[in-house]
Amino acid sequence: KSNGNLFVSALRSFFANAIRMSQLEADPVQRVIESFAEALVADASFLSCFSSSMLPEKERKTYRTPDEVLFGLTYTTLMLNTDMHNKQVSQKMWDTKKFVGAGKDCGVTGGLMAEIFKCEIGR
């Protein structure tokens, strides 16, 4: 499994059981995303596999630690998911180029972002 597929599978598994995100305000959503990122960082086998998709520390802009990187990536992926699959979103804000470009702010490679985008389109 690629890191993109690995991340998206973990995301779907966690959030399918956690909550119905569309019914929550921003603060509870943020706490759930933080918990998800902390759970992934605590999983040594996931982090070992995933770390190759993180940018080198010197190149990370907004999110620097693994917890922060996974938080930013999760938040951005949830925004993509909402953008693509929520019928109430009339003006789509994400395309492949924008999503891949957001990887630099998240602290991950463009390759990982492209994999995640493909996973979300294939849903």
PDB file of N, CA and C in Angstrom:
ATOM      1  N   LYS A   1       0.832  -1.186   0.000  1.00  0.00           N
ATOM      2  CA  LYS A   1       0.000   0.000   0.000  1.00  0.00           C
ATOM      3  C   LYS A   1       0.876   1.248   0.000  1.00  0.00           C
ATOM      4  N   SER A   2       0.529   2.241  -0.804  1.00  0.00           N
ATOM      5  CA  SER A   2       1.284   3.488  -0.806  1.00  0.00           C
ATOM      6  C   SER A   2       0.950   4.285   0.451  1.00  0.00           C
ATOM      7  N   ASN A   3       1.785   5.267   0.773  1.00  0.00           N
ATOM      8  CA  ASN A   3       1.520   6.088   1.952  1.00  0.00           C
ATOM      9  C   ASN A   3       0.215   6.857   1.819  1.00  0.00           C
ATOM     10  N   GLY A   4      -0.130   7.266   0.596  1.00  0.00           N
ATOM     11  CA  GLY A   4      -1.403   7.955   0.386  1.00  0.00           C
ATOM     12  C   GLY A   4      -2.577   7.059   0.721  1.00  0.00           C
ATOM     13  N   ASN A   5      -2.536   5.830   0.227  1.00  0.00           N
ATOM     14  CA  ASN A   5      -3.604   4.872   0.530  1.00  0.00           C
ATOM     15  C   ASN A   5      -3.629   4.532   2.016  1.00  0.00           C
ATOM     16  N   LEU A   6      -2.456   4.385   2.616  1.00  0.00           N
ATOM     17  CA  LEU A   6      -2.353   4.077   4.033  1.00  0.00           C
ATOM     18  C   LEU A   6      -2.991   5.183   4.872  1.00  0.00           C
ATOM     19  N   PHE A   7      -2.658   6.431   4.546  1.00  0.00           N
ATOM     20  CA  PHE A   7      -3.209   7.570   5.280  1.00  0.00           C
ATOM     21  C   PHE A   7      -4.724   7.666   5.098  1.00  0.00           C
ATOM     22  N   VAL A   8      -5.198   7.570   3.869  1.00  0.00           N
ATOM     23  CA  VAL A   8      -6.633   7.693   3.605  1.00  0.00           C
ATOM     24  C   VAL A   8      -7.411   6.551   4.269  1.00  0.00           C
ATOM     25  N   SER A   9      -6.859   5.349   4.267  1.00  0.00           N
ATOM     26  CA  SER A   9      -7.524   4.224   4.939  1.00  0.00           C
ATOM     27  C   SER A   9      -7.641   4.472   6.443  1.00  0.00           C
ATOM     28  N   ALA A  10      -6.568   4.964   7.044  1.00  0.00           N
ATOM     29  CA  ALA A  10      -6.604   5.276   8.482  1.00  0.00           C
ATOM     30  C   ALA A  10      -7.613   6.383   8.761  1.00  0.00           C
ATOM     31  N   LEU A  11      -7.618   7.392   7.919  1.00  0.00           N
ATOM     32  CA  LEU A  11      -8.543   8.514   8.071  1.00  0.00           C
ATOM     33  C   LEU A  11      -9.993   8.051   7.999  1.00  0.00           C
ATOM     34  N   ARG A  12     -10.302   7.266   6.999  1.00  0.00           N
ATOM     35  CA  ARG A  12     -11.671   6.772   6.835  1.00  0.00           C
ATOM     36  C   ARG A  12     -12.093   5.882   7.998  1.00  0.00           C
ATOM     37  N   SER A  13     -11.197   5.022   8.421  1.00  0.00           N
ATOM     38  CA  SER A  13     -11.504   4.116   9.524  1.00  0.00           C
ATOM     39  C   SER A  13     -11.775   4.897  10.807  1.00  0.00           C
ATOM     40  N   PHE A  14     -10.914   5.846  11.112  1.00  0.00           N
ATOM     41  CA  PHE A  14     -11.047   6.622  12.341  1.00  0.00           C
ATOM     42  C   PHE A  14     -12.310   7.479  12.320  1.00  0.00           C
ATOM     43  N   PHE A  15     -12.516   8.218  11.250  1.00  0.00           N
ATOM     44  CA  PHE A  15     -13.627   9.153  11.219  1.00  0.00           C
ATOM     45  C   PHE A  15     -14.967   8.487  10.969  1.00  0.00           C
ATOM     46  N   ALA A  16     -14.978   7.328  10.378  1.00  0.00           N
ATOM     47  CA  ALA A  16     -16.240   6.604  10.199  1.00  0.00           C
ATOM     48  C   ALA A  16     -16.822   6.216  11.541  1.00  0.00           C
ATOM     49  N   ASN A  17     -15.953   5.953  12.489  1.00  0.00           N
ATOM     50  CA  ASN A  17     -16.401   5.539  13.813  1.00  0.00           C
ATOM     51  C   ASN A  17     -16.443   6.688  14.817  1.00  0.00           C
ATOM     52  N   ALA A  18     -15.775   7.781  14.529  1.00  0.00           N
ATOM     53  CA  ALA A  18     -15.646   8.849  15.519  1.00  0.00           C
ATOM     54  C   ALA A  18     -16.887   9.730  15.603  1.00  0.00           C
ATOM     55  N   ILE A  19     -17.240  10.352  14.518  1.00  0.00           N
ATOM     56  CA  ILE A  19     -18.342  11.306  14.540  1.00  0.00           C
ATOM     57  C   ILE A  19     -18.854  11.583  13.145  1.00  0.00           C
ATOM     58  N   ARG A  20     -19.969  12.228  13.101  1.00  0.00           N
ATOM     59  CA  ARG A  20     -20.474  12.748  11.835  1.00  0.00           C
ATOM     60  C   ARG A  20     -20.000  14.203  11.774  1.00  0.00           C
ATOM     61  N   MET A  21     -18.923  14.424  11.031  1.00  0.00           N
ATOM     62  CA  MET A  21     -18.217  15.702  11.037  1.00  0.00           C
ATOM     63  C   MET A  21     -19.091  16.893  10.647  1.00  0.00           C
ATOM     64  N   SER A  22     -19.994  16.707   9.734  1.00  0.00           N
ATOM     65  CA  SER A  22     -20.771  17.838   9.234  1.00  0.00           C
ATOM     66  C   SER A  22     -21.693  18.431  10.291  1.00  0.00           C
ATOM     67  N   GLN A  23     -21.892  17.740  11.388  1.00  0.00           N
ATOM     68  CA  GLN A  23     -22.799  18.221  12.425  1.00  0.00           C
ATOM     69  C   GLN A  23     -22.077  18.920  13.567  1.00  0.00           C
ATOM     70  N   LEU A  24     -20.786  19.082  13.463  1.00  0.00           N
ATOM     71  CA  LEU A  24     -20.019  19.655  14.566  1.00  0.00           C
ATOM     72  C   LEU A  24     -19.509  21.059  14.255  1.00  0.00           C
ATOM     73  N   GLU A  25     -19.296  21.812  15.303  1.00  0.00           N
ATOM     74  CA  GLU A  25     -18.666  23.120  15.198  1.00  0.00           C
ATOM     75  C   GLU A  25     -17.162  22.912  15.057  1.00  0.00           C
ATOM     76  N   ALA A  26     -16.440  23.982  14.804  1.00  0.00           N
ATOM     77  CA  ALA A  26     -15.007  23.905  14.523  1.00  0.00           C
ATOM     78  C   ALA A  26     -14.181  23.349  15.688  1.00  0.00           C
ATOM     79  N   ASP A  27     -14.453  23.763  16.925  1.00  0.00           N
ATOM     80  CA  ASP A  27     -13.634  23.313  18.062  1.00  0.00           C
ATOM     81  C   ASP A  27     -13.669  21.803  18.263  1.00  0.00           C
ATOM     82  N   PRO A  28     -14.847  21.155  18.270  1.00  0.00           N
ATOM     83  CA  PRO A  28     -14.848  19.694  18.414  1.00  0.00           C
ATOM     84  C   PRO A  28     -14.176  18.991  17.235  1.00  0.00           C
ATOM     85  N   VAL A  29     -14.329  19.529  16.043  1.00  0.00           N
ATOM     86  CA  VAL A  29     -13.669  18.939  14.872  1.00  0.00           C
ATOM     87  C   VAL A  29     -12.157  19.022  15.055  1.00  0.00           C
ATOM     88  N   GLN A  30     -11.666  20.166  15.512  1.00  0.00           N
ATOM     89  CA  GLN A  30     -10.227  20.321  15.728  1.00  0.00           C
ATOM     90  C   GLN A  30      -9.718  19.311  16.756  1.00  0.00           C
ATOM     91  N   ARG A  31     -10.462  19.100  17.828  1.00  0.00           N
ATOM     92  CA  ARG A  31     -10.028  18.136  18.858  1.00  0.00           C
ATOM     93  C   ARG A  31      -9.976  16.713  18.297  1.00  0.00           C
ATOM     94  N   VAL A  32     -10.938  16.368  17.450  1.00  0.00           N
ATOM     95  CA  VAL A  32     -10.933  15.028  16.854  1.00  0.00           C
ATOM     96  C   VAL A  32      -9.745  14.878  15.904  1.00  0.00           C
ATOM     97  N   ILE A  33      -9.470  15.906  15.133  1.00  0.00           N
ATOM     98  CA  ILE A  33      -8.318  15.856  14.217  1.00  0.00           C
ATOM     99  C   ILE A  33      -7.023  15.741  15.020  1.00  0.00           C
ATOM    100  N   GLU A  34      -6.910  16.489  16.114  1.00  0.00           N
ATOM    101  CA  GLU A  34      -5.723  16.389  16.969  1.00  0.00           C
ATOM    102  C   GLU A  34      -5.573  14.979  17.532  1.00  0.00           C
ATOM    103  N   SER A  35      -6.671  14.389  17.956  1.00  0.00           N
ATOM    104  CA  SER A  35      -6.629  13.016  18.495  1.00  0.00           C
ATOM    105  C   SER A  35      -6.193  12.024  17.432  1.00  0.00           C
ATOM    106  N   PHE A  36      -6.685  12.205  16.220  1.00  0.00           N
ATOM    107  CA  PHE A  36      -6.295  11.334  15.106  1.00  0.00           C
ATOM    108  C   PHE A  36      -4.799  11.453  14.842  1.00  0.00           C
ATOM    109  N   ALA A  37      -4.295  12.683  14.773  1.00  0.00           N
ATOM    110  CA  ALA A  37      -2.861  12.895  14.523  1.00  0.00           C
ATOM    111  C   ALA A  37      -2.026  12.280  15.643  1.00  0.00           C
ATOM    112  N   GLU A  38      -2.443  12.460  16.883  1.00  0.00           N
ATOM    113  CA  GLU A  38      -1.712  11.886  18.023  1.00  0.00           C
ATOM    114  C   GLU A  38      -1.712  10.354  17.963  1.00  0.00           C
ATOM    115  N   ALA A  39      -2.840   9.774  17.563  1.00  0.00           N
ATOM    116  CA  ALA A  39      -2.921   8.308  17.457  1.00  0.00           C
ATOM    117  C   ALA A  39      -1.974   7.792  16.381  1.00  0.00           C
ATOM    118  N   LEU A  40      -1.887   8.496  15.263  1.00  0.00           N
ATOM    119  CA  LEU A  40      -0.968   8.057  14.198  1.00  0.00           C
ATOM    120  C   LEU A  40       0.486   8.198  14.628  1.00  0.00           C
ATOM    121  N   VAL A  41       0.813   9.277  15.315  1.00  0.00           N
ATOM    122  CA  VAL A  41       2.193   9.473  15.781  1.00  0.00           C
ATOM    123  C   VAL A  41       2.559   8.416  16.820  1.00  0.00           C
ATOM    124  N   ALA A  42       1.601   8.011  17.619  1.00  0.00           N
ATOM    125  CA  ALA A  42       1.854   6.984  18.640  1.00  0.00           C
ATOM    126  C   ALA A  42       2.032   5.599  18.035  1.00  0.00           C
ATOM    127  N   ASP A  43       1.591   5.410  16.804  1.00  0.00           N
ATOM    128  CA  ASP A  43       1.734   4.124  16.114  1.00  0.00           C
ATOM    129  C   ASP A  43       3.090   4.104  15.406  1.00  0.00           C
ATOM    130  N   ALA A  44       4.067   3.501  16.045  1.00  0.00           N
ATOM    131  CA  ALA A  44       5.442   3.516  15.532  1.00  0.00           C
ATOM    132  C   ALA A  44       5.559   2.941  14.130  1.00  0.00           C
ATOM    133  N   SER A  45       4.807   1.892  13.827  1.00  0.00           N
ATOM    134  CA  SER A  45       4.903   1.296  12.490  1.00  0.00           C
ATOM    135  C   SER A  45       4.335   2.238  11.427  1.00  0.00           C
ATOM    136  N   PHE A  46       3.245   2.929  11.751  1.00  0.00           N
ATOM    137  CA  PHE A  46       2.697   3.910  10.797  1.00  0.00           C
ATOM    138  C   PHE A  46       3.697   5.038  10.588  1.00  0.00           C
ATOM    139  N   LEU A  47       4.204   5.598  11.683  1.00  0.00           N
ATOM    140  CA  LEU A  47       5.106   6.736  11.583  1.00  0.00           C
ATOM    141  C   LEU A  47       6.387   6.379  10.836  1.00  0.00           C
ATOM    142  N   SER A  48       6.889   5.179  11.065  1.00  0.00           N
ATOM    143  CA  SER A  48       8.086   4.724  10.359  1.00  0.00           C
ATOM    144  C   SER A  48       7.846   4.681   8.855  1.00  0.00           C
ATOM    145  N   CYS A  49       6.716   4.161   8.475  1.00  0.00           N
ATOM    146  CA  CYS A  49       6.349   4.058   7.063  1.00  0.00           C
ATOM    147  C   CYS A  49       6.065   5.438   6.470  1.00  0.00           C
ATOM    148  N   PHE A  50       5.363   6.270   7.225  1.00  0.00           N
ATOM    149  CA  PHE A  50       4.872   7.559   6.737  1.00  0.00           C
ATOM    150  C   PHE A  50       5.962   8.625   6.676  1.00  0.00           C
ATOM    151  N   SER A  51       6.965   8.523   7.506  1.00  0.00           N
ATOM    152  CA  SER A  51       7.966   9.596   7.594  1.00  0.00           C
ATOM    153  C   SER A  51       8.668   9.866   6.265  1.00  0.00           C
ATOM    154  N   SER A  52       8.723   8.891   5.378  1.00  0.00           N
ATOM    155  CA  SER A  52       9.336   9.124   4.067  1.00  0.00           C
ATOM    156  C   SER A  52       8.506  10.081   3.214  1.00  0.00           C
ATOM    157  N   SER A  53       7.263  10.301   3.577  1.00  0.00           N
ATOM    158  CA  SER A  53       6.404  11.235   2.836  1.00  0.00           C
ATOM    159  C   SER A  53       6.409  12.638   3.436  1.00  0.00           C
ATOM    160  N   MET A  54       7.093  12.804   4.558  1.00  0.00           N
ATOM    161  CA  MET A  54       7.204  14.139   5.143  1.00  0.00           C
ATOM    162  C   MET A  54       8.411  14.858   4.547  1.00  0.00           C
ATOM    163  N   LEU A  55       8.270  16.154   4.381  1.00  0.00           N
ATOM    164  CA  LEU A  55       9.401  16.944   3.906  1.00  0.00           C
ATOM    165  C   LEU A  55      10.487  16.955   4.978  1.00  0.00           C
ATOM    166  N   PRO A  56      11.742  17.157   4.586  1.00  0.00           N
ATOM    167  CA  PRO A  56      12.792  17.320   5.596  1.00  0.00           C
ATOM    168  C   PRO A  56      12.425  18.480   6.526  1.00  0.00           C
ATOM    169  N   GLU A  57      12.818  18.395   7.770  1.00  0.00           N
ATOM    170  CA  GLU A  57      12.429  19.400   8.771  1.00  0.00           C
ATOM    171  C   GLU A  57      12.715  20.833   8.332  1.00  0.00           C
ATOM    172  N   LYS A  58      13.833  21.048   7.676  1.00  0.00           N
ATOM    173  CA  LYS A  58      14.210  22.397   7.248  1.00  0.00           C
ATOM    174  C   LYS A  58      13.246  22.967   6.204  1.00  0.00           C
ATOM    175  N   GLU A  59      12.553  22.100   5.486  1.00  0.00           N
ATOM    176  CA  GLU A  59      11.638  22.547   4.425  1.00  0.00           C
ATOM    177  C   GLU A  59      10.191  22.689   4.903  1.00  0.00           C
ATOM    178  N   ARG A  60       9.899  22.260   6.101  1.00  0.00           N
ATOM    179  CA  ARG A  60       8.530  22.354   6.623  1.00  0.00           C
ATOM    180  C   ARG A  60       8.239  23.793   7.036  1.00  0.00           C
ATOM    181  N   LYS A  61       7.129  24.327   6.551  1.00  0.00           N
ATOM    182  CA  LYS A  61       6.802  25.730   6.797  1.00  0.00           C
ATOM    183  C   LYS A  61       5.864  25.895   7.982  1.00  0.00           C
ATOM    184  N   THR A  62       4.617  25.594   7.790  1.00  0.00           N
ATOM    185  CA  THR A  62       3.596  25.858   8.803  1.00  0.00           C
ATOM    186  C   THR A  62       3.604  24.804   9.901  1.00  0.00           C
ATOM    187  N   TYR A  63       3.677  23.563   9.511  1.00  0.00           N
ATOM    188  CA  TYR A  63       3.621  22.450  10.459  1.00  0.00           C
ATOM    189  C   TYR A  63       4.988  21.784  10.507  1.00  0.00           C
ATOM    190  N   ARG A  64       5.577  21.689  11.693  1.00  0.00           N
ATOM    191  CA  ARG A  64       6.960  21.207  11.806  1.00  0.00           C
ATOM    192  C   ARG A  64       7.091  19.818  12.422  1.00  0.00           C
ATOM    193  N   THR A  65       6.407  19.549  13.521  1.00  0.00           N
ATOM    194  CA  THR A  65       6.532  18.251  14.184  1.00  0.00           C
ATOM    195  C   THR A  65       5.628  17.232  13.486  1.00  0.00           C
ATOM    196  N   PRO A  66       5.876  15.938  13.671  1.00  0.00           N
ATOM    197  CA  PRO A  66       4.991  14.933  13.072  1.00  0.00           C
ATOM    198  C   PRO A  66       3.519  15.123  13.462  1.00  0.00           C
ATOM    199  N   ASP A  67       3.255  15.472  14.728  1.00  0.00           N
ATOM    200  CA  ASP A  67       1.868  15.725  15.159  1.00  0.00           C
ATOM    201  C   ASP A  67       1.249  16.852  14.330  1.00  0.00           C
ATOM    202  N   GLU A  68       2.006  17.929  14.182  1.00  0.00           N
ATOM    203  CA  GLU A  68       1.511  19.086  13.434  1.00  0.00           C
ATOM    204  C   GLU A  68       1.327  18.762  11.958  1.00  0.00           C
ATOM    205  N   VAL A  69       2.278  18.031  11.385  1.00  0.00           N
ATOM    206  CA  VAL A  69       2.196  17.651   9.973  1.00  0.00           C
ATOM    207  C   VAL A  69       0.936  16.812   9.734  1.00  0.00           C
ATOM    208  N   LEU A  70       0.716  15.838  10.584  1.00  0.00           N
ATOM    209  CA  LEU A  70      -0.460  14.980  10.418  1.00  0.00           C
ATOM    210  C   LEU A  70      -1.753  15.742  10.692  1.00  0.00           C
ATOM    211  N   PHE A  71      -1.729  16.693  11.610  1.00  0.00           N
ATOM    212  CA  PHE A  71      -2.891  17.540  11.832  1.00  0.00           C
ATOM    213  C   PHE A  71      -3.210  18.332  10.561  1.00  0.00           C
ATOM    214  N   GLY A  72      -2.207  19.017  10.013  1.00  0.00           N
ATOM    215  CA  GLY A  72      -2.409  19.818   8.806  1.00  0.00           C
ATOM    216  C   GLY A  72      -2.860  18.985   7.625  1.00  0.00           C
ATOM    217  N   LEU A  73      -2.266  17.830   7.467  1.00  0.00           N
ATOM    218  CA  LEU A  73      -2.635  16.940   6.367  1.00  0.00           C
ATOM    219  C   LEU A  73      -4.067  16.440   6.530  1.00  0.00           C
ATOM    220  N   THR A  74      -4.435  16.077   7.749  1.00  0.00           N
ATOM    221  CA  THR A  74      -5.791  15.595   8.006  1.00  0.00           C
ATOM    222  C   THR A  74      -6.810  16.697   7.746  1.00  0.00           C
ATOM    223  N   TYR A  75      -6.555  17.883   8.258  1.00  0.00           N
ATOM    224  CA  TYR A  75      -7.470  19.002   8.073  1.00  0.00           C
ATOM    225  C   TYR A  75      -7.644  19.315   6.581  1.00  0.00           C
ATOM    226  N   THR A  76      -6.539  19.360   5.857  1.00  0.00           N
ATOM    227  CA  THR A  76      -6.587  19.657   4.427  1.00  0.00           C
ATOM    228  C   THR A  76      -7.316  18.559   3.665  1.00  0.00           C
ATOM    229  N   THR A  77      -7.095  17.308   4.033  1.00  0.00           N
ATOM    230  CA  THR A  77      -7.769  16.189   3.361  1.00  0.00           C
ATOM    231  C   THR A  77      -9.270  16.206   3.647  1.00  0.00           C
ATOM    232  N   LEU A  78      -9.651  16.568   4.864  1.00  0.00           N
ATOM    233  CA  LEU A  78     -11.081  16.683   5.177  1.00  0.00           C
ATOM    234  C   LEU A  78     -11.728  17.814   4.385  1.00  0.00           C
ATOM    235  N   MET A  79     -10.995  18.913   4.189  1.00  0.00           N
ATOM    236  CA  MET A  79     -11.523  19.993   3.346  1.00  0.00           C
ATOM    237  C   MET A  79     -11.712  19.516   1.908  1.00  0.00           C
ATOM    238  N   LEU A  80     -10.748  18.749   1.402  1.00  0.00           N
ATOM    239  CA  LEU A  80     -10.871  18.184   0.054  1.00  0.00           C
ATOM    240  C   LEU A  80     -12.082  17.262  -0.023  1.00  0.00           C
ATOM    241  N   ASN A  81     -12.234  16.404   0.970  1.00  0.00           N
ATOM    242  CA  ASN A  81     -13.346  15.468   0.990  1.00  0.00           C
ATOM    243  C   ASN A  81     -14.680  16.203   0.965  1.00  0.00           C
ATOM    244  N   THR A  82     -14.806  17.227   1.784  1.00  0.00           N
ATOM    245  CA  THR A  82     -16.040  18.026   1.816  1.00  0.00           C
ATOM    246  C   THR A  82     -16.270  18.698   0.473  1.00  0.00           C
ATOM    247  N   ASP A  83     -15.224  19.268  -0.072  1.00  0.00           N
ATOM    248  CA  ASP A  83     -15.304  19.956  -1.358  1.00  0.00           C
ATOM    249  C   ASP A  83     -15.784  19.016  -2.465  1.00  0.00           C
ATOM    250  N   MET A  84     -15.289  17.791  -2.449  1.00  0.00           N
ATOM    251  CA  MET A  84     -15.603  16.854  -3.526  1.00  0.00           C
ATOM    252  C   MET A  84     -16.941  16.145  -3.342  1.00  0.00           C
ATOM    253  N   HIS A  85     -17.333  15.881  -2.110  1.00  0.00           N
ATOM    254  CA  HIS A  85     -18.456  14.978  -1.892  1.00  0.00           C
ATOM    255  C   HIS A  85     -19.690  15.609  -1.252  1.00  0.00           C
ATOM    256  N   ASN A  86     -19.595  16.837  -0.796  1.00  0.00           N
ATOM    257  CA  ASN A  86     -20.750  17.489  -0.183  1.00  0.00           C
ATOM    258  C   ASN A  86     -21.507  18.263  -1.263  1.00  0.00           C
ATOM    259  N   LYS A  87     -22.742  17.891  -1.481  1.00  0.00           N
ATOM    260  CA  LYS A  87     -23.550  18.520  -2.533  1.00  0.00           C
ATOM    261  C   LYS A  87     -23.859  19.982  -2.241  1.00  0.00           C
ATOM    262  N   GLN A  88     -23.726  20.395  -0.986  1.00  0.00           N
ATOM    263  CA  GLN A  88     -23.984  21.790  -0.632  1.00  0.00           C
ATOM    264  C   GLN A  88     -22.851  22.724  -1.040  1.00  0.00           C
ATOM    265  N   VAL A  89     -21.695  22.161  -1.395  1.00  0.00           N
ATOM    266  CA  VAL A  89     -20.567  22.967  -1.851  1.00  0.00           C
ATOM    267  C   VAL A  89     -20.744  23.186  -3.350  1.00  0.00           C
ATOM    268  N   SER A  90     -21.168  24.392  -3.713  1.00  0.00           N
ATOM    269  CA  SER A  90     -21.447  24.655  -5.131  1.00  0.00           C
ATOM    270  C   SER A  90     -20.195  25.098  -5.892  1.00  0.00           C
ATOM    271  N   GLN A  91     -19.336  25.862  -5.249  1.00  0.00           N
ATOM    272  CA  GLN A  91     -18.116  26.312  -5.908  1.00  0.00           C
ATOM    273  C   GLN A  91     -16.926  25.543  -5.336  1.00  0.00           C
ATOM    274  N   LYS A  92     -16.412  24.645  -6.128  1.00  0.00           N
ATOM    275  CA  LYS A  92     -15.306  23.790  -5.686  1.00  0.00           C
ATOM    276  C   LYS A  92     -14.014  24.600  -5.600  1.00  0.00           C
ATOM    277  N   MET A  93     -13.277  24.401  -4.508  1.00  0.00           N
ATOM    278  CA  MET A  93     -12.046  25.160  -4.323  1.00  0.00           C
ATOM    279  C   MET A  93     -10.773  24.343  -4.581  1.00  0.00           C
ATOM    280  N   TRP A  94     -10.903  23.029  -4.674  1.00  0.00           N
ATOM    281  CA  TRP A  94      -9.713  22.199  -4.835  1.00  0.00           C
ATOM    282  C   TRP A  94      -9.668  21.560  -6.213  1.00  0.00           C
ATOM    283  N   ASP A  95      -8.499  21.591  -6.812  1.00  0.00           N
ATOM    284  CA  ASP A  95      -8.185  20.770  -7.971  1.00  0.00           C
ATOM    285  C   ASP A  95      -6.845  20.107  -7.648  1.00  0.00           C
ATOM    286  N   THR A  96      -6.383  19.266  -8.531  1.00  0.00           N
ATOM    287  CA  THR A  96      -5.141  18.530  -8.237  1.00  0.00           C
ATOM    288  C   THR A  96      -3.989  19.476  -7.925  1.00  0.00           C
ATOM    289  N   LYS A  97      -3.814  20.501  -8.742  1.00  0.00           N
ATOM    290  CA  LYS A  97      -2.674  21.411  -8.577  1.00  0.00           C
ATOM    291  C   LYS A  97      -2.719  22.129  -7.226  1.00  0.00           C
ATOM    292  N   LYS A  98      -3.875  22.640  -6.831  1.00  0.00           N
ATOM    293  CA  LYS A  98      -3.993  23.340  -5.548  1.00  0.00           C
ATOM    294  C   LYS A  98      -3.765  22.392  -4.373  1.00  0.00           C
ATOM    295  N   PHE A  99      -4.321  21.191  -4.472  1.00  0.00           N
ATOM    296  CA  PHE A  99      -4.172  20.243  -3.373  1.00  0.00           C
ATOM    297  C   PHE A  99      -2.719  19.792  -3.234  1.00  0.00           C
ATOM    298  N   VAL A 100      -2.086  19.477  -4.345  1.00  0.00           N
ATOM    299  CA  VAL A 100      -0.673  19.069  -4.299  1.00  0.00           C
ATOM    300  C   VAL A 100       0.181  20.218  -3.757  1.00  0.00           C
ATOM    301  N   GLY A 101      -0.122  21.445  -4.171  1.00  0.00           N
ATOM    302  CA  GLY A 101       0.614  22.607  -3.678  1.00  0.00           C
ATOM    303  C   GLY A 101       0.450  22.824  -2.188  1.00  0.00           C
ATOM    304  N   ALA A 102      -0.709  22.441  -1.637  1.00  0.00           N
ATOM    305  CA  ALA A 102      -0.949  22.584  -0.202  1.00  0.00           C
ATOM    306  C   ALA A 102      -0.048  21.662   0.611  1.00  0.00           C
ATOM    307  N   GLY A 103       0.537  20.668  -0.028  1.00  0.00           N
ATOM    308  CA  GLY A 103       1.437  19.747   0.662  1.00  0.00           C
ATOM    309  C   GLY A 103       2.626  20.436   1.290  1.00  0.00           C
ATOM    310  N   LYS A 104       3.143  21.473   0.643  1.00  0.00           N
ATOM    311  CA  LYS A 104       4.290  22.202   1.198  1.00  0.00           C
ATOM    312  C   LYS A 104       3.920  22.841   2.525  1.00  0.00           C
ATOM    313  N   ASP A 105       2.718  23.430   2.603  1.00  0.00           N
ATOM    314  CA  ASP A 105       2.285  24.026   3.868  1.00  0.00           C
ATOM    315  C   ASP A 105       2.053  22.961   4.928  1.00  0.00           C
ATOM    316  N   CYS A 106       1.576  21.794   4.498  1.00  0.00           N
ATOM    317  CA  CYS A 106       1.319  20.698   5.443  1.00  0.00           C
ATOM    318  C   CYS A 106       2.606  20.020   5.901  1.00  0.00           C
ATOM    319  N   GLY A 107       3.674  20.152   5.116  1.00  0.00           N
ATOM    320  CA  GLY A 107       4.942  19.526   5.469  1.00  0.00           C
ATOM    321  C   GLY A 107       5.118  18.142   4.879  1.00  0.00           C
ATOM    322  N   VAL A 108       4.400  17.866   3.776  1.00  0.00           N
ATOM    323  CA  VAL A 108       4.518  16.562   3.118  1.00  0.00           C
ATOM    324  C   VAL A 108       4.840  16.746   1.641  1.00  0.00           C
ATOM    325  N   THR A 109       5.222  15.658   1.018  1.00  0.00           N
ATOM    326  CA  THR A 109       5.615  15.706  -0.385  1.00  0.00           C
ATOM    327  C   THR A 109       4.412  15.877  -1.309  1.00  0.00           C
ATOM    328  N   GLY A 110       4.683  16.441  -2.462  1.00  0.00           N
ATOM    329  CA  GLY A 110       3.649  16.561  -3.482  1.00  0.00           C
ATOM    330  C   GLY A 110       3.165  15.206  -3.953  1.00  0.00           C
ATOM    331  N   GLY A 111       4.061  14.227  -3.950  1.00  0.00           N
ATOM    332  CA  GLY A 111       3.682  12.872  -4.350  1.00  0.00           C
ATOM    333  C   GLY A 111       2.615  12.282  -3.440  1.00  0.00           C
ATOM    334  N   LEU A 112       2.759  12.513  -2.133  1.00  0.00           N
ATOM    335  CA  LEU A 112       1.755  12.030  -1.184  1.00  0.00           C
ATOM    336  C   LEU A 112       0.426  12.718  -1.439  1.00  0.00           C
ATOM    337  N   MET A 113       0.466  14.023  -1.657  1.00  0.00           N
ATOM    338  CA  MET A 113      -0.771  14.770  -1.895  1.00  0.00           C
ATOM    339  C   MET A 113      -1.471  14.274  -3.161  1.00  0.00           C
ATOM    340  N   ALA A 114      -0.695  13.977  -4.201  1.00  0.00           N
ATOM    341  CA  ALA A 114      -1.288  13.458  -5.440  1.00  0.00           C
ATOM    342  C   ALA A 114      -1.945  12.099  -5.194  1.00  0.00           C
ATOM    343  N   GLU A 115      -1.299  11.244  -4.393  1.00  0.00           N
ATOM    344  CA  GLU A 115      -1.884   9.936  -4.059  1.00  0.00           C
ATOM    345  C   GLU A 115      -3.200  10.102  -3.312  1.00  0.00           C
ATOM    346  N   ILE A 116      -3.218  11.009  -2.336  1.00  0.00           N
ATOM    347  CA  ILE A 116      -4.436  11.246  -1.553  1.00  0.00           C
ATOM    348  C   ILE A 116      -5.536  11.787  -2.455  1.00  0.00           C
ATOM    349  N   PHE A 117      -5.191  12.707  -3.336  1.00  0.00           N
ATOM    350  CA  PHE A 117      -6.193  13.268  -4.258  1.00  0.00           C
ATOM    351  C   PHE A 117      -6.810  12.166  -5.109  1.00  0.00           C
ATOM    352  N   LYS A 118      -5.972  11.278  -5.629  1.00  0.00           N
ATOM    353  CA  LYS A 118      -6.483  10.154  -6.434  1.00  0.00           C
ATOM    354  C   LYS A 118      -7.388   9.251  -5.622  1.00  0.00           C
ATOM    355  N   CYS A 119      -7.028   9.012  -4.363  1.00  0.00           N
ATOM    356  CA  CYS A 119      -7.864   8.180  -3.489  1.00  0.00           C
ATOM    357  C   CYS A 119      -9.231   8.821  -3.285  1.00  0.00           C
ATOM    358  N   GLU A 120      -9.264  10.131  -3.111  1.00  0.00           N
ATOM    359  CA  GLU A 120     -10.520  10.823  -2.881  1.00  0.00           C
ATOM    360  C   GLU A 120     -11.377  10.882  -4.139  1.00  0.00           C
ATOM    361  N   ILE A 121     -10.764  11.028  -5.283  1.00  0.00           N
ATOM    362  CA  ILE A 121     -11.529  11.041  -6.541  1.00  0.00           C
ATOM    363  C   ILE A 121     -12.140   9.682  -6.789  1.00  0.00           C
ATOM    364  N   GLY A 122     -11.402   8.622  -6.459  1.00  0.00           N
ATOM    365  CA  GLY A 122     -11.863   7.269  -6.695  1.00  0.00           C
ATOM    366  C   GLY A 122     -12.953   6.809  -5.755  1.00  0.00           C
ATOM    367  N   ARG A 123     -13.290   7.590  -4.793  1.00  0.00           N
ATOM    368  CA  ARG A 123     -14.304   7.216  -3.813  1.00  0.00           C
ATOM    369  C   ARG A 123     -15.672   7.205  -4.404  1.00  0.00           C
TER     370      ARG A 123
END
